[in-house]
Amino acid sequence: MSDSAPVLTIDGPGGAGKGTISRLVAARLGWHLLDSGALYRLTALAAVKHEVPLDDEPALARIAASLDVVFLAEGESATVLLEGQDATTAIRTEQVGDAASRVAALPAVRQALLQRQRDFRKAPGLVADGRDMGTVVFTDAPLKIFLTASAEERARRRHLQLREAGVDASLSSLLKEIQARDARDMQRSVAPLKPAIDAITLDTTRLTIPEVVDRLTELLTERGLASAT
């Protein structure tokens, strides 16, 4: 795989801050953004909508290959349309996240989405957020980051997000869900969650979002991939 447009891959477990940080870095640099997790969540949501079992690999692969999805950028946020309907909120529920983790473990689904993800690579650059961006999708990326944080901190962050959205959730249940999802993502046979060999691991447990964004833009600047901002 070769392309002139630089890619910053940001991999890591759910709740490490990948999505927010990726959006902010992309907005600061004026780069394109790939939220690969959204593609798996959309595949899962479409499967549920069309009553396709989450273990029917051939059918799920067909859904993934023909997803009717549109991403509408709005500054640092984005609206996601699935089959013409706003799915921005629906794909961020814990239920869809859990379903997406199951769908993402299926080799045929991952293969169906592979080229679709690579097509996001365009000038002036791409910030790719996911779990296998550096290890599988963009193996030649000049800067690979693996964001992590303790499971307890990630559960606390998710709990706070849900409370702010007016959703009542159990912190202990969220922690168990995160730990189960981590185990499933790390143990799957295809593209397991792990840092790329040449990735820089950054623990965000005690870092603020602006601190992480500043660090990543500094790394890009040091490597000549972006201008100082």
Protein backbone atom coordinates (compact mmCIF):
# COMPACT_ATOMS: atom_id res chain seq x y z
CA MET A 1 0.00 0.00 0.00
CA SER A 2 1.43 3.36 -0.98
CA ASP A 3 -0.03 6.82 -1.08
CA SER A 4 1.38 10.32 -0.88
CA ALA A 5 -1.11 11.45 1.76
CA PRO A 6 0.22 11.01 5.32
CA VAL A 7 -1.81 8.99 7.81
CA LEU A 8 -1.93 9.24 11.59
CA THR A 9 -3.38 6.02 13.00
CA ILE A 10 -4.91 6.10 16.47
CA ASP A 11 -5.76 2.65 17.80
CA GLY A 12 -6.80 1.51 21.24
CA PRO A 13 -9.62 0.13 23.35
CA GLY A 14 -13.02 1.77 23.71
CA GLY A 15 -13.10 4.71 26.11
CA ALA A 16 -9.44 5.68 25.69
CA GLY A 17 -10.47 8.92 23.98
CA LYS A 18 -9.70 7.93 20.38
CA GLY A 19 -12.82 9.44 18.85
CA THR A 20 -12.68 12.84 20.51
CA ILE A 21 -8.93 13.19 20.08
CA SER A 22 -9.03 12.07 16.44
CA ARG A 23 -11.72 14.63 15.62
CA LEU A 24 -9.80 17.41 17.34
CA VAL A 25 -6.48 16.59 15.67
CA ALA A 26 -8.15 16.32 12.26
CA ALA A 27 -9.95 19.63 12.80
CA ARG A 28 -6.74 21.38 13.91
CA LEU A 29 -4.79 20.15 10.88
CA GLY A 30 -7.59 20.31 8.33
CA TRP A 31 -7.14 16.58 7.61
CA HIS A 32 -9.75 13.98 6.71
CA LEU A 33 -11.13 11.72 9.44
CA LEU A 34 -11.91 8.00 9.43
CA ASP A 35 -13.95 6.67 12.34
CA SER A 36 -13.59 2.99 11.51
CA GLY A 37 -15.52 1.96 14.60
CA ALA A 38 -18.56 3.77 13.20
CA LEU A 39 -18.48 1.51 10.14
CA TYR A 40 -18.66 -1.59 12.33
CA ARG A 41 -21.35 -0.02 14.50
CA LEU A 42 -23.33 0.89 11.40
CA THR A 43 -23.00 -2.66 10.10
CA ALA A 44 -24.32 -3.96 13.42
CA LEU A 45 -27.15 -1.41 13.48
CA ALA A 46 -28.15 -2.25 9.92
CA ALA A 47 -28.13 -5.94 10.80
CA VAL A 48 -30.44 -5.37 13.76
CA LYS A 49 -32.68 -3.12 11.62
CA HIS A 50 -33.01 -5.81 8.96
CA GLU A 51 -33.24 -8.65 11.50
CA VAL A 52 -30.02 -10.34 10.40
CA PRO A 53 -28.50 -12.58 13.11
CA LEU A 54 -25.13 -11.37 14.40
CA ASP A 55 -23.59 -14.79 13.70
CA ASP A 56 -24.67 -14.92 10.04
CA GLU A 57 -21.26 -14.04 8.62
CA PRO A 58 -22.09 -14.11 4.87
CA ALA A 59 -25.16 -11.91 5.34
CA LEU A 60 -23.27 -9.47 7.57
CA ALA A 61 -20.46 -9.24 5.01
CA ARG A 62 -23.00 -8.32 2.33
CA ILE A 63 -24.41 -5.61 4.59
CA ALA A 64 -20.91 -4.26 5.26
CA ALA A 65 -20.03 -4.17 1.56
CA SER A 66 -23.17 -2.26 0.59
CA LEU A 67 -23.66 0.06 3.57
CA ASP A 68 -25.72 3.11 2.61
CA VAL A 69 -23.89 5.55 4.86
CA VAL A 70 -23.04 9.24 4.72
CA PHE A 71 -20.77 11.16 7.11
CA LEU A 72 -21.60 14.87 7.34
CA ALA A 73 -18.76 16.84 8.95
CA GLU A 74 -19.82 19.71 11.20
CA GLY A 75 -16.71 21.30 12.66
CA GLU A 76 -15.39 19.00 15.36
CA SER A 77 -18.47 16.77 15.27
CA ALA A 78 -20.20 14.74 12.59
CA THR A 79 -23.66 13.50 11.70
CA VAL A 80 -23.96 9.92 10.46
CA LEU A 81 -26.76 8.91 8.13
CA LEU A 82 -27.69 5.24 7.67
CA GLU A 83 -30.06 4.60 4.78
CA GLY A 84 -30.95 8.28 4.83
CA GLN A 85 -31.78 8.41 8.56
CA ASP A 86 -29.76 10.05 11.33
CA ALA A 87 -27.94 7.27 13.20
CA THR A 88 -25.45 9.48 15.08
CA THR A 89 -26.91 8.75 18.51
CA ALA A 90 -28.07 5.20 17.85
CA ILE A 91 -24.60 3.88 16.97
CA ARG A 92 -23.15 5.17 20.26
CA THR A 93 -25.32 3.07 22.56
CA GLU A 94 -23.72 0.32 24.63
CA GLN A 95 -25.93 -2.27 22.93
CA VAL A 96 -24.75 -1.34 19.44
CA GLY A 97 -21.17 -1.11 20.68
CA ASP A 98 -21.37 -4.64 22.01
CA ALA A 99 -22.94 -5.88 18.76
CA ALA A 100 -20.24 -4.10 16.74
CA SER A 101 -17.53 -5.86 18.74
CA ARG A 102 -19.11 -9.21 17.82
CA VAL A 103 -19.50 -8.26 14.16
CA ALA A 104 -15.90 -6.99 14.00
CA ALA A 105 -14.62 -10.44 15.00
CA LEU A 106 -15.91 -11.92 11.72
CA PRO A 107 -13.19 -12.17 8.99
CA ALA A 108 -15.60 -11.69 6.08
CA VAL A 109 -16.94 -8.46 7.56
CA ARG A 110 -13.46 -7.08 8.14
CA GLN A 111 -12.45 -7.93 4.58
CA ALA A 112 -15.58 -6.28 3.19
CA LEU A 113 -14.74 -3.01 4.95
CA LEU A 114 -10.98 -3.01 4.31
CA GLN A 115 -10.81 -1.17 0.97
CA ARG A 116 -13.65 1.11 2.02
CA GLN A 117 -11.48 2.31 4.89
CA ARG A 118 -8.36 2.73 2.74
CA ASP A 119 -10.30 4.93 0.33
CA PHE A 120 -10.47 7.62 3.05
CA ARG A 121 -6.74 8.29 2.53
CA LYS A 122 -6.63 11.60 0.68
CA ALA A 123 -4.56 14.79 0.73
CA PRO A 124 -3.70 16.70 2.80
CA GLY A 125 -3.79 13.80 5.27
CA LEU A 126 -5.93 11.37 7.25
CA VAL A 127 -6.48 10.71 10.95
CA ALA A 128 -7.66 7.09 11.21
CA ASP A 129 -9.33 6.03 14.46
CA GLY A 130 -9.92 2.37 15.27
CA ARG A 131 -8.53 -0.87 16.61
CA ASP A 132 -6.46 -2.15 13.68
CA MET A 133 -5.62 1.00 11.74
CA GLY A 134 -1.87 0.65 12.30
CA THR A 135 -1.65 -3.13 12.29
CA VAL A 136 -3.83 -3.95 9.26
CA VAL A 137 -5.45 -1.07 7.38
CA PHE A 138 -2.60 1.45 7.12
CA THR A 139 0.52 -0.55 7.85
CA ASP A 140 2.73 2.05 6.16
CA ALA A 141 1.42 5.02 8.19
CA PRO A 142 4.33 7.30 9.18
CA LEU A 143 2.95 7.84 12.69
CA LYS A 144 1.05 5.23 14.68
CA ILE A 145 -0.40 5.86 18.13
CA PHE A 146 -1.90 3.35 20.56
CA LEU A 147 -4.07 5.17 23.09
CA THR A 148 -4.96 3.38 26.27
CA ALA A 149 -6.32 4.05 29.76
CA SER A 150 -7.26 1.87 32.71
CA ALA A 151 -10.58 0.03 32.39
CA GLU A 152 -11.77 1.81 35.54
CA GLU A 153 -11.03 5.24 34.07
CA ARG A 154 -12.69 4.34 30.78
CA ALA A 155 -15.80 3.14 32.62
CA ARG A 156 -15.83 6.38 34.66
CA ARG A 157 -15.65 8.48 31.50
CA ARG A 158 -18.45 6.54 29.84
CA HIS A 159 -20.57 6.80 32.98
CA LEU A 160 -20.09 10.57 33.00
CA GLN A 161 -21.00 10.83 29.30
CA LEU A 162 -24.21 8.89 29.87
CA ARG A 163 -25.16 10.95 32.92
CA GLU A 164 -24.64 14.16 30.96
CA ALA A 165 -26.91 12.74 28.27
CA GLY A 166 -29.55 11.98 30.88
CA VAL A 167 -29.05 8.22 30.70
CA ASP A 168 -29.03 6.23 33.93
CA ALA A 169 -26.30 3.57 33.92
CA SER A 170 -24.50 1.41 36.46
CA LEU A 171 -20.78 2.12 36.77
CA SER A 172 -20.07 -1.47 37.77
CA SER A 173 -22.03 -2.80 34.78
CA LEU A 174 -20.17 -0.47 32.43
CA LEU A 175 -16.85 -1.68 33.82
CA LYS A 176 -17.82 -5.32 33.23
CA GLU A 177 -18.95 -4.54 29.67
CA ILE A 178 -15.68 -2.74 28.91
CA GLN A 179 -13.59 -5.59 30.32
CA ALA A 180 -15.58 -8.17 28.32
CA ARG A 181 -15.26 -6.11 25.13
CA ASP A 182 -11.51 -5.69 25.68
CA ALA A 183 -11.09 -9.44 26.08
CA ARG A 184 -13.12 -10.17 22.96
CA ASP A 185 -11.23 -7.58 20.88
CA MET A 186 -7.81 -8.75 22.05
CA GLN A 187 -8.52 -12.47 21.67
CA ARG A 188 -10.22 -12.50 18.27
CA SER A 189 -8.40 -14.50 15.61
CA VAL A 190 -8.48 -11.77 12.95
CA ALA A 191 -6.85 -8.35 13.55
CA PRO A 192 -6.77 -8.56 17.36
CA LEU A 193 -6.50 -5.34 19.33
CA LYS A 194 -2.81 -4.67 19.98
CA PRO A 195 -0.27 -1.92 19.32
CA ALA A 196 1.56 -1.99 16.00
CA ILE A 197 5.24 -2.89 16.42
CA ASP A 198 6.24 0.68 15.54
CA ALA A 199 3.43 2.41 17.45
CA ILE A 200 3.88 4.90 20.27
CA THR A 201 1.75 3.90 23.27
CA LEU A 202 0.18 6.78 25.17
CA ASP A 203 -1.69 6.20 28.43
CA THR A 204 -4.42 8.85 28.77
CA THR A 205 -5.59 7.86 32.26
CA ARG A 206 -4.13 11.00 33.83
CA LEU A 207 -3.96 13.23 30.75
CA THR A 208 -6.47 15.84 29.61
CA ILE A 209 -7.80 15.83 26.06
CA PRO A 210 -5.95 19.07 25.14
CA GLU A 211 -2.69 17.58 26.45
CA VAL A 212 -3.08 14.52 24.22
CA VAL A 213 -4.04 16.61 21.17
CA ASP A 214 -1.01 18.86 21.70
CA ARG A 215 1.29 15.84 22.04
CA LEU A 216 0.06 14.25 18.82
CA THR A 217 0.34 17.44 16.79
CA GLU A 218 3.86 17.93 18.20
CA LEU A 219 4.82 14.42 17.04
CA LEU A 220 3.43 15.09 13.57
CA THR A 221 5.34 18.37 13.37
CA GLU A 222 8.58 16.78 14.60
CA ARG A 223 8.32 14.19 11.83
CA GLY A 224 7.64 16.78 9.16
CA LEU A 225 4.13 15.50 8.53
CA ALA A 226 2.34 18.70 9.50
CA SER A 227 3.12 22.37 9.97
CA ALA A 228 3.35 23.81 13.49
CA THR A 229 0.00 25.17 14.64
